[in-house]
PDB file of all heavy atoms in Angstrom:
ATOM      1  N   ASP A   1      -5.107  44.952 -19.361  1.00  0.00           N
ATOM      2  CA  ASP A   1      -5.132  43.505 -19.515  1.00  0.00           C
ATOM      3  C   ASP A   1      -6.497  43.022 -19.992  1.00  0.00           C
ATOM      4  O   ASP A   1      -7.538  43.459 -19.482  1.00  0.00           O
ATOM      5  CB  ASP A   1      -4.795  42.848 -18.171  1.00  0.00           C
ATOM      6  CG  ASP A   1      -4.639  41.342 -18.291  1.00  0.00           C
ATOM      7  OD1 ASP A   1      -4.240  40.866 -19.370  1.00  0.00           O
ATOM      8  OD2 ASP A   1      -4.913  40.639 -17.303  1.00  0.00           O
ATOM      9  N   ASN A   2      -6.478  42.131 -20.991  1.00  0.00           N
ATOM     10  CA  ASN A   2      -7.679  41.410 -21.440  1.00  0.00           C
ATOM     11  C   ASN A   2      -8.794  42.339 -21.916  1.00  0.00           C
ATOM     12  O   ASN A   2      -9.965  42.151 -21.572  1.00  0.00           O
ATOM     13  CB  ASN A   2      -8.197  40.509 -20.303  1.00  0.00           C
ATOM     14  CG  ASN A   2      -9.073  39.381 -20.831  1.00  0.00           C
ATOM     15  OD1 ASN A   2      -8.976  38.990 -21.994  1.00  0.00           O
ATOM     16  ND2 ASN A   2      -9.942  38.864 -19.976  1.00  0.00           N
ATOM     17  N   LEU A   3      -8.457  43.321 -22.720  1.00  0.00           N
ATOM     18  CA  LEU A   3      -9.463  44.203 -23.294  1.00  0.00           C
ATOM     19  C   LEU A   3     -10.171  43.473 -24.437  1.00  0.00           C
ATOM     20  O   LEU A   3      -9.520  42.912 -25.320  1.00  0.00           O
ATOM     21  CB  LEU A   3      -8.810  45.479 -23.831  1.00  0.00           C
ATOM     22  CG  LEU A   3      -9.741  46.589 -24.300  1.00  0.00           C
ATOM     23  CD1 LEU A   3     -10.455  47.214 -23.101  1.00  0.00           C
ATOM     24  CD2 LEU A   3      -8.947  47.662 -25.046  1.00  0.00           C
ATOM     25  N   PRO A   4     -11.510  43.454 -24.468  1.00  0.00           N
ATOM     26  CA  PRO A   4     -12.214  42.806 -25.586  1.00  0.00           C
ATOM     27  C   PRO A   4     -11.821  43.438 -26.916  1.00  0.00           C
ATOM     28  O   PRO A   4     -11.733  44.673 -27.022  1.00  0.00           O
ATOM     29  CB  PRO A   4     -13.688  43.058 -25.265  1.00  0.00           C
ATOM     30  CG  PRO A   4     -13.725  43.268 -23.791  1.00  0.00           C
ATOM     31  CD  PRO A   4     -12.439  43.960 -23.443  1.00  0.00           C
ATOM     32  N   PRO A   5     -11.580  42.632 -27.947  1.00  0.00           N
ATOM     33  CA  PRO A   5     -11.123  43.181 -29.232  1.00  0.00           C
ATOM     34  C   PRO A   5     -12.030  44.265 -29.797  1.00  0.00           C
ATOM     35  O   PRO A   5     -11.544  45.224 -30.403  1.00  0.00           O
ATOM     36  CB  PRO A   5     -11.096  41.945 -30.139  1.00  0.00           C
ATOM     37  CG  PRO A   5     -10.890  40.803 -29.211  1.00  0.00           C
ATOM     38  CD  PRO A   5     -11.617  41.159 -27.951  1.00  0.00           C
ATOM     39  N   VAL A   6     -13.338  44.139 -29.589  1.00  0.00           N
ATOM     40  CA  VAL A   6     -14.260  45.116 -30.151  1.00  0.00           C
ATOM     41  C   VAL A   6     -14.014  46.517 -29.581  1.00  0.00           C
ATOM     42  O   VAL A   6     -14.362  47.525 -30.211  1.00  0.00           O
ATOM     43  CB  VAL A   6     -15.724  44.668 -29.908  1.00  0.00           C
ATOM     44  CG1 VAL A   6     -16.072  44.749 -28.424  1.00  0.00           C
ATOM     45  CG2 VAL A   6     -16.692  45.508 -30.737  1.00  0.00           C
ATOM     46  N   LEU A   7     -13.402  46.588 -28.413  1.00  0.00           N
ATOM     47  CA  LEU A   7     -13.160  47.886 -27.770  1.00  0.00           C
ATOM     48  C   LEU A   7     -11.818  48.502 -28.139  1.00  0.00           C
ATOM     49  O   LEU A   7     -11.537  49.642 -27.757  1.00  0.00           O
ATOM     50  CB  LEU A   7     -13.255  47.735 -26.248  1.00  0.00           C
ATOM     51  CG  LEU A   7     -14.609  47.318 -25.671  1.00  0.00           C
ATOM     52  CD1 LEU A   7     -14.519  47.222 -24.153  1.00  0.00           C
ATOM     53  CD2 LEU A   7     -15.690  48.311 -26.086  1.00  0.00           C
ATOM     54  N   ILE A   8     -10.982  47.761 -28.846  1.00  0.00           N
ATOM     55  CA  ILE A   8      -9.639  48.261 -29.142  1.00  0.00           C
ATOM     56  C   ILE A   8      -9.664  49.566 -29.941  1.00  0.00           C
ATOM     57  O   ILE A   8      -8.972  50.528 -29.588  1.00  0.00           O
ATOM     58  CB  ILE A   8      -8.807  47.180 -29.861  1.00  0.00           C
ATOM     59  CG1 ILE A   8      -8.532  46.020 -28.899  1.00  0.00           C
ATOM     60  CG2 ILE A   8      -7.491  47.759 -30.374  1.00  0.00           C
ATOM     61  CD1 ILE A   8      -7.785  44.860 -29.527  1.00  0.00           C
ATOM     62  N   PRO A   9     -10.441  49.674 -31.033  1.00  0.00           N
ATOM     63  CA  PRO A   9     -10.454  50.960 -31.763  1.00  0.00           C
ATOM     64  C   PRO A   9     -10.932  52.126 -30.888  1.00  0.00           C
ATOM     65  O   PRO A   9     -10.375  53.231 -30.978  1.00  0.00           O
ATOM     66  CB  PRO A   9     -11.411  50.692 -32.931  1.00  0.00           C
ATOM     67  CG  PRO A   9     -11.356  49.204 -33.130  1.00  0.00           C
ATOM     68  CD  PRO A   9     -11.224  48.640 -31.744  1.00  0.00           C
ATOM     69  N   LYS A  10     -11.959  51.895 -30.066  1.00  0.00           N
ATOM     70  CA  LYS A  10     -12.444  52.962 -29.187  1.00  0.00           C
ATOM     71  C   LYS A  10     -11.372  53.350 -28.173  1.00  0.00           C
ATOM     72  O   LYS A  10     -11.187  54.530 -27.867  1.00  0.00           O
ATOM     73  CB  LYS A  10     -13.707  52.509 -28.459  1.00  0.00           C
ATOM     74  CG  LYS A  10     -14.921  52.367 -29.360  1.00  0.00           C
ATOM     75  CD  LYS A  10     -15.354  53.722 -29.904  1.00  0.00           C
ATOM     76  CE  LYS A  10     -16.624  53.592 -30.746  1.00  0.00           C
ATOM     77  NZ  LYS A  10     -17.022  54.898 -31.346  1.00  0.00           N
ATOM     78  N   PHE A  11     -10.685  52.349 -27.662  1.00  0.00           N
ATOM     79  CA  PHE A  11      -9.622  52.607 -26.706  1.00  0.00           C
ATOM     80  C   PHE A  11      -8.510  53.418 -27.362  1.00  0.00           C
ATOM     81  O   PHE A  11      -7.950  54.339 -26.752  1.00  0.00           O
ATOM     82  CB  PHE A  11      -9.081  51.293 -26.157  1.00  0.00           C
ATOM     83  CG  PHE A  11      -7.954  51.448 -25.180  1.00  0.00           C
ATOM     84  CD1 PHE A  11      -8.135  52.137 -23.995  1.00  0.00           C
ATOM     85  CD2 PHE A  11      -6.709  50.890 -25.441  1.00  0.00           C
ATOM     86  CE1 PHE A  11      -7.098  52.286 -23.088  1.00  0.00           C
ATOM     87  CE2 PHE A  11      -5.674  51.019 -24.550  1.00  0.00           C
ATOM     88  CZ  PHE A  11      -5.868  51.720 -23.365  1.00  0.00           C
ATOM     89  N   ALA A  12      -8.185  53.096 -28.604  1.00  0.00           N
ATOM     90  CA  ALA A  12      -7.173  53.862 -29.336  1.00  0.00           C
ATOM     91  C   ALA A  12      -7.602  55.317 -29.500  1.00  0.00           C
ATOM     92  O   ALA A  12      -6.781  56.242 -29.365  1.00  0.00           O
ATOM     93  CB  ALA A  12      -6.918  53.219 -30.695  1.00  0.00           C
ATOM     94  N   GLU A  13      -8.886  55.541 -29.777  1.00  0.00           N
ATOM     95  CA  GLU A  13      -9.383  56.914 -29.905  1.00  0.00           C
ATOM     96  C   GLU A  13      -9.246  57.672 -28.595  1.00  0.00           C
ATOM     97  O   GLU A  13      -8.880  58.854 -28.579  1.00  0.00           O
ATOM     98  CB  GLU A  13     -10.845  56.889 -30.351  1.00  0.00           C
ATOM     99  CG  GLU A  13     -11.055  56.395 -31.787  1.00  0.00           C
ATOM    100  CD  GLU A  13     -12.534  56.326 -32.141  1.00  0.00           C
ATOM    101  OE1 GLU A  13     -13.372  56.624 -31.254  1.00  0.00           O
ATOM    102  OE2 GLU A  13     -12.854  55.965 -33.296  1.00  0.00           O
ATOM    103  N   VAL A  14      -9.544  56.995 -27.494  1.00  0.00           N
ATOM    104  CA  VAL A  14      -9.394  57.625 -26.174  1.00  0.00           C
ATOM    105  C   VAL A  14      -7.943  58.009 -25.928  1.00  0.00           C
ATOM    106  O   VAL A  14      -7.652  59.104 -25.425  1.00  0.00           O
ATOM    107  CB  VAL A  14      -9.902  56.680 -25.069  1.00  0.00           C
ATOM    108  CG1 VAL A  14      -9.544  57.221 -23.685  1.00  0.00           C
ATOM    109  CG2 VAL A  14     -11.403  56.483 -25.181  1.00  0.00           C
ATOM    110  N   CYS A  15      -7.031  57.122 -26.283  1.00  0.00           N
ATOM    111  CA  CYS A  15      -5.610  57.417 -26.094  1.00  0.00           C
ATOM    112  C   CYS A  15      -5.173  58.612 -26.929  1.00  0.00           C
ATOM    113  O   CYS A  15      -4.422  59.476 -26.469  1.00  0.00           O
ATOM    114  CB  CYS A  15      -4.762  56.190 -26.448  1.00  0.00           C
ATOM    115  SG  CYS A  15      -4.994  54.788 -25.328  1.00  0.00           S
ATOM    116  N   LEU A  16      -5.663  58.670 -28.171  1.00  0.00           N
ATOM    117  CA  LEU A  16      -5.322  59.795 -29.037  1.00  0.00           C
ATOM    118  C   LEU A  16      -5.863  61.116 -28.503  1.00  0.00           C
ATOM    119  O   LEU A  16      -5.242  62.163 -28.658  1.00  0.00           O
ATOM    120  CB  LEU A  16      -5.864  59.550 -30.449  1.00  0.00           C
ATOM    121  CG  LEU A  16      -5.105  58.543 -31.314  1.00  0.00           C
ATOM    122  CD1 LEU A  16      -5.851  58.318 -32.624  1.00  0.00           C
ATOM    123  CD2 LEU A  16      -3.691  59.036 -31.585  1.00  0.00           C
ATOM    124  N   ALA A  17      -7.028  61.044 -27.878  1.00  0.00           N
ATOM    125  CA  ALA A  17      -7.657  62.268 -27.348  1.00  0.00           C
ATOM    126  C   ALA A  17      -7.093  62.668 -25.994  1.00  0.00           C
ATOM    127  O   ALA A  17      -7.505  63.686 -25.426  1.00  0.00           O
ATOM    128  CB  ALA A  17      -9.169  62.065 -27.226  1.00  0.00           C
ATOM    129  N   GLY A  18      -6.151  61.892 -25.497  1.00  0.00           N
ATOM    130  CA  GLY A  18      -5.631  62.150 -24.162  1.00  0.00           C
ATOM    131  C   GLY A  18      -4.617  63.249 -24.073  1.00  0.00           C
ATOM    132  O   GLY A  18      -4.041  63.472 -23.008  1.00  0.00           O
ATOM    133  N   ALA A  19      -4.371  63.957 -25.165  1.00  0.00           N
ATOM    134  CA  ALA A  19      -3.462  65.116 -25.173  1.00  0.00           C
ATOM    135  C   ALA A  19      -2.100  64.773 -24.570  1.00  0.00           C
ATOM    136  O   ALA A  19      -1.569  65.487 -23.724  1.00  0.00           O
ATOM    137  CB  ALA A  19      -4.101  66.283 -24.417  1.00  0.00           C
ATOM    138  N   GLY A  20      -1.546  63.657 -25.011  1.00  0.00           N
ATOM    139  CA  GLY A  20      -0.212  63.273 -24.555  1.00  0.00           C
ATOM    140  C   GLY A  20      -0.178  62.476 -23.283  1.00  0.00           C
ATOM    141  O   GLY A  20       0.907  62.100 -22.815  1.00  0.00           O
ATOM    142  N   SER A  21      -1.335  62.184 -22.688  1.00  0.00           N
ATOM    143  CA  SER A  21      -1.356  61.422 -21.432  1.00  0.00           C
ATOM    144  C   SER A  21      -1.034  59.955 -21.642  1.00  0.00           C
ATOM    145  O   SER A  21      -0.635  59.260 -20.708  1.00  0.00           O
ATOM    146  CB  SER A  21      -2.731  61.544 -20.769  1.00  0.00           C
ATOM    147  OG  SER A  21      -3.030  62.893 -20.470  1.00  0.00           O
ATOM    148  N   TYR A  22      -1.229  59.467 -22.867  1.00  0.00           N
ATOM    149  CA  TYR A  22      -1.004  58.051 -23.155  1.00  0.00           C
ATOM    150  C   TYR A  22      -0.028  57.935 -24.323  1.00  0.00           C
ATOM    151  O   TYR A  22      -0.407  57.596 -25.436  1.00  0.00           O
ATOM    152  CB  TYR A  22      -2.308  57.346 -23.490  1.00  0.00           C
ATOM    153  CG  TYR A  22      -3.373  57.477 -22.418  1.00  0.00           C
ATOM    154  CD1 TYR A  22      -4.394  58.411 -22.534  1.00  0.00           C
ATOM    155  CD2 TYR A  22      -3.349  56.668 -21.294  1.00  0.00           C
ATOM    156  CE1 TYR A  22      -5.363  58.539 -21.543  1.00  0.00           C
ATOM    157  CE2 TYR A  22      -4.314  56.787 -20.307  1.00  0.00           C
ATOM    158  CZ  TYR A  22      -5.316  57.717 -20.441  1.00  0.00           C
ATOM    159  OH  TYR A  22      -6.273  57.845 -19.464  1.00  0.00           O
ATOM    160  N   GLU A  23       1.238  58.218 -24.061  1.00  0.00           N
ATOM    161  CA  GLU A  23       2.236  58.182 -25.126  1.00  0.00           C
ATOM    162  C   GLU A  23       2.714  56.768 -25.421  1.00  0.00           C
ATOM    163  O   GLU A  23       3.135  56.464 -26.522  1.00  0.00           O
ATOM    164  CB  GLU A  23       3.431  59.065 -24.747  1.00  0.00           C
ATOM    165  CG  GLU A  23       3.146  60.557 -24.847  1.00  0.00           C
ATOM    166  CD  GLU A  23       2.762  60.971 -26.254  1.00  0.00           C
ATOM    167  OE1 GLU A  23       3.400  60.495 -27.220  1.00  0.00           O
ATOM    168  OE2 GLU A  23       1.810  61.752 -26.393  1.00  0.00           O
ATOM    169  N   ARG A  24       2.653  55.891 -24.415  1.00  0.00           N
ATOM    170  CA  ARG A  24       3.114  54.505 -24.581  1.00  0.00           C
ATOM    171  C   ARG A  24       2.077  53.601 -23.941  1.00  0.00           C
ATOM    172  O   ARG A  24       1.869  53.627 -22.731  1.00  0.00           O
ATOM    173  CB  ARG A  24       4.485  54.314 -23.943  1.00  0.00           C
ATOM    174  CG  ARG A  24       5.521  55.315 -24.431  1.00  0.00           C
ATOM    175  CD  ARG A  24       6.779  55.244 -23.615  1.00  0.00           C
ATOM    176  NE  ARG A  24       7.591  54.099 -23.989  1.00  0.00           N
ATOM    177  CZ  ARG A  24       8.538  53.573 -23.210  1.00  0.00           C
ATOM    178  NH1 ARG A  24       8.744  54.052 -22.003  1.00  0.00           N
ATOM    179  NH2 ARG A  24       9.261  52.562 -23.631  1.00  0.00           N
ATOM    180  N   VAL A  25       1.431  52.787 -24.774  1.00  0.00           N
ATOM    181  CA  VAL A  25       0.312  51.961 -24.320  1.00  0.00           C
ATOM    182  C   VAL A  25       0.566  50.517 -24.732  1.00  0.00           C
ATOM    183  O   VAL A  25       0.995  50.235 -25.853  1.00  0.00           O
ATOM    184  CB  VAL A  25      -1.017  52.455 -24.916  1.00  0.00           C
ATOM    185  CG1 VAL A  25      -2.161  51.537 -24.510  1.00  0.00           C
ATOM    186  CG2 VAL A  25      -1.301  53.899 -24.486  1.00  0.00           C
ATOM    187  N   ALA A  26       0.288  49.595 -23.802  1.00  0.00           N
ATOM    188  CA  ALA A  26       0.351  48.160 -24.119  1.00  0.00           C
ATOM    189  C   ALA A  26      -0.914  47.501 -23.596  1.00  0.00           C
ATOM    190  O   ALA A  26      -1.373  47.799 -22.492  1.00  0.00           O
ATOM    191  CB  ALA A  26       1.579  47.518 -23.477  1.00  0.00           C
ATOM    192  N   MET A  27      -1.497  46.624 -24.390  1.00  0.00           N
ATOM    193  CA  MET A  27      -2.721  45.935 -23.984  1.00  0.00           C
ATOM    194  C   MET A  27      -2.639  44.467 -24.382  1.00  0.00           C
ATOM    195  O   MET A  27      -2.044  44.113 -25.399  1.00  0.00           O
ATOM    196  CB  MET A  27      -3.947  46.585 -24.609  1.00  0.00           C
ATOM    197  CG  MET A  27      -3.863  46.788 -26.105  1.00  0.00           C
ATOM    198  SD  MET A  27      -5.466  46.796 -26.873  1.00  0.00           S
ATOM    199  CE  MET A  27      -5.976  45.121 -26.583  1.00  0.00           C
ATOM    200  N   VAL A  28      -3.221  43.618 -23.534  1.00  0.00           N
ATOM    201  CA  VAL A  28      -3.202  42.180 -23.769  1.00  0.00           C
ATOM    202  C   VAL A  28      -4.517  41.737 -24.388  1.00  0.00           C
ATOM    203  O   VAL A  28      -5.592  42.140 -23.950  1.00  0.00           O
ATOM    204  CB  VAL A  28      -2.969  41.410 -22.455  1.00  0.00           C
ATOM    205  CG1 VAL A  28      -3.143  39.906 -22.682  1.00  0.00           C
ATOM    206  CG2 VAL A  28      -1.589  41.696 -21.908  1.00  0.00           C
ATOM    207  N   CYS A  29      -4.418  40.897 -25.418  1.00  0.00           N
ATOM    208  CA  CYS A  29      -5.587  40.251 -26.010  1.00  0.00           C
ATOM    209  C   CYS A  29      -5.194  38.798 -26.260  1.00  0.00           C
ATOM    210  O   CYS A  29      -4.278  38.526 -27.043  1.00  0.00           O
ATOM    211  CB  CYS A  29      -5.989  40.940 -27.310  1.00  0.00           C
ATOM    212  SG  CYS A  29      -7.511  40.300 -28.035  1.00  0.00           S
ATOM    213  N   ASP A  30      -5.879  37.873 -25.573  1.00  0.00           N
ATOM    214  CA  ASP A  30      -5.471  36.473 -25.683  1.00  0.00           C
ATOM    215  C   ASP A  30      -6.677  35.539 -25.626  1.00  0.00           C
ATOM    216  O   ASP A  30      -7.822  35.974 -25.798  1.00  0.00           O
ATOM    217  CB  ASP A  30      -4.437  36.127 -24.611  1.00  0.00           C
ATOM    218  CG  ASP A  30      -4.929  36.424 -23.195  1.00  0.00           C
ATOM    219  OD1 ASP A  30      -6.157  36.435 -22.980  1.00  0.00           O
ATOM    220  OD2 ASP A  30      -4.088  36.639 -22.309  1.00  0.00           O
ATOM    221  N   ILE A  31      -6.430  34.268 -25.367  1.00  0.00           N
ATOM    222  CA  ILE A  31      -7.457  33.231 -25.457  1.00  0.00           C
ATOM    223  C   ILE A  31      -8.578  33.436 -24.439  1.00  0.00           C
ATOM    224  O   ILE A  31      -9.684  32.908 -24.600  1.00  0.00           O
ATOM    225  CB  ILE A  31      -6.807  31.837 -25.262  1.00  0.00           C
ATOM    226  CG1 ILE A  31      -7.699  30.730 -25.819  1.00  0.00           C
ATOM    227  CG2 ILE A  31      -6.485  31.590 -23.805  1.00  0.00           C
ATOM    228  CD1 ILE A  31      -7.789  30.725 -27.314  1.00  0.00           C
ATOM    229  N   ARG A  32      -8.321  34.214 -23.386  1.00  0.00           N
ATOM    230  CA  ARG A  32      -9.365  34.450 -22.395  1.00  0.00           C
ATOM    231  C   ARG A  32     -10.560  35.173 -22.992  1.00  0.00           C
ATOM    232  O   ARG A  32     -11.676  35.105 -22.472  1.00  0.00           O
ATOM    233  CB  ARG A  32      -8.806  35.253 -21.221  1.00  0.00           C
ATOM    234  CG  ARG A  32      -7.820  34.493 -20.365  1.00  0.00           C
ATOM    235  CD  ARG A  32      -7.145  35.421 -19.367  1.00  0.00           C
ATOM    236  NE  ARG A  32      -6.347  36.442 -20.032  1.00  0.00           N
ATOM    237  CZ  ARG A  32      -5.818  37.491 -19.417  1.00  0.00           C
ATOM    238  NH1 ARG A  32      -6.014  37.671 -18.121  1.00  0.00           N
ATOM    239  NH2 ARG A  32      -5.098  38.361 -20.081  1.00  0.00           N
ATOM    240  N   GLY A  33     -10.329  35.879 -24.116  1.00  0.00           N
ATOM    241  CA  GLY A  33     -11.424  36.591 -24.770  1.00  0.00           C
ATOM    242  C   GLY A  33     -12.236  35.706 -25.699  1.00  0.00           C
ATOM    243  O   GLY A  33     -13.162  36.182 -26.361  1.00  0.00           O
ATOM    244  N   GLY A  34     -11.918  34.415 -25.777  1.00  0.00           N
ATOM    245  CA  GLY A  34     -12.629  33.491 -26.659  1.00  0.00           C
ATOM    246  C   GLY A  34     -11.728  33.019 -27.776  1.00  0.00           C
ATOM    247  O   GLY A  34     -10.721  33.649 -28.100  1.00  0.00           O
ATOM    248  N   GLU A  35     -12.088  31.903 -28.387  1.00  0.00           N
ATOM    249  CA  GLU A  35     -11.235  31.292 -29.408  1.00  0.00           C
ATOM    250  C   GLU A  35     -11.353  31.957 -30.772  1.00  0.00           C
ATOM    251  O   GLU A  35     -10.529  31.717 -31.653  1.00  0.00           O
ATOM    252  CB  GLU A  35     -11.577  29.801 -29.543  1.00  0.00           C
ATOM    253  CG  GLU A  35     -11.200  28.974 -28.335  1.00  0.00           C
ATOM    254  CD  GLU A  35     -11.308  27.491 -28.614  1.00  0.00           C
ATOM    255  OE1 GLU A  35     -11.200  27.110 -29.799  1.00  0.00           O
ATOM    256  OE2 GLU A  35     -11.497  26.718 -27.669  1.00  0.00           O
ATOM    257  N   ASN A  36     -12.361  32.773 -30.982  1.00  0.00           N
ATOM    258  CA  ASN A  36     -12.545  33.423 -32.278  1.00  0.00           C
ATOM    259  C   ASN A  36     -11.779  34.738 -32.307  1.00  0.00           C
ATOM    260  O   ASN A  36     -12.155  35.701 -31.650  1.00  0.00           O
ATOM    261  CB  ASN A  36     -14.034  33.667 -32.541  1.00  0.00           C
ATOM    262  CG  ASN A  36     -14.279  34.180 -33.951  1.00  0.00           C
ATOM    263  OD1 ASN A  36     -13.347  34.527 -34.676  1.00  0.00           O
ATOM    264  ND2 ASN A  36     -15.545  34.216 -34.349  1.00  0.00           N
ATOM    265  N   PHE A  37     -10.696  34.755 -33.082  1.00  0.00           N
ATOM    266  CA  PHE A  37      -9.875  35.960 -33.145  1.00  0.00           C
ATOM    267  C   PHE A  37     -10.221  36.839 -34.337  1.00  0.00           C
ATOM    268  O   PHE A  37      -9.480  37.769 -34.652  1.00  0.00           O
ATOM    269  CB  PHE A  37      -8.384  35.583 -33.168  1.00  0.00           C
ATOM    270  CG  PHE A  37      -7.841  35.312 -31.792  1.00  0.00           C
ATOM    271  CD1 PHE A  37      -7.869  34.032 -31.281  1.00  0.00           C
ATOM    272  CD2 PHE A  37      -7.350  36.332 -30.998  1.00  0.00           C
ATOM    273  CE1 PHE A  37      -7.396  33.765 -30.021  1.00  0.00           C
ATOM    274  CE2 PHE A  37      -6.877  36.080 -29.732  1.00  0.00           C
ATOM    275  CZ  PHE A  37      -6.896  34.789 -29.236  1.00  0.00           C
TER     276      PHE A  37
END
């Protein structure tokens, strides 16, 4: 929940390196992170 957008690519890399541990991932990014999307 509420992962800062700048961290999304890094988070995706972590999921890819998880050797199948993260096959289905959902993350929320909304107005709580600021109005600049």
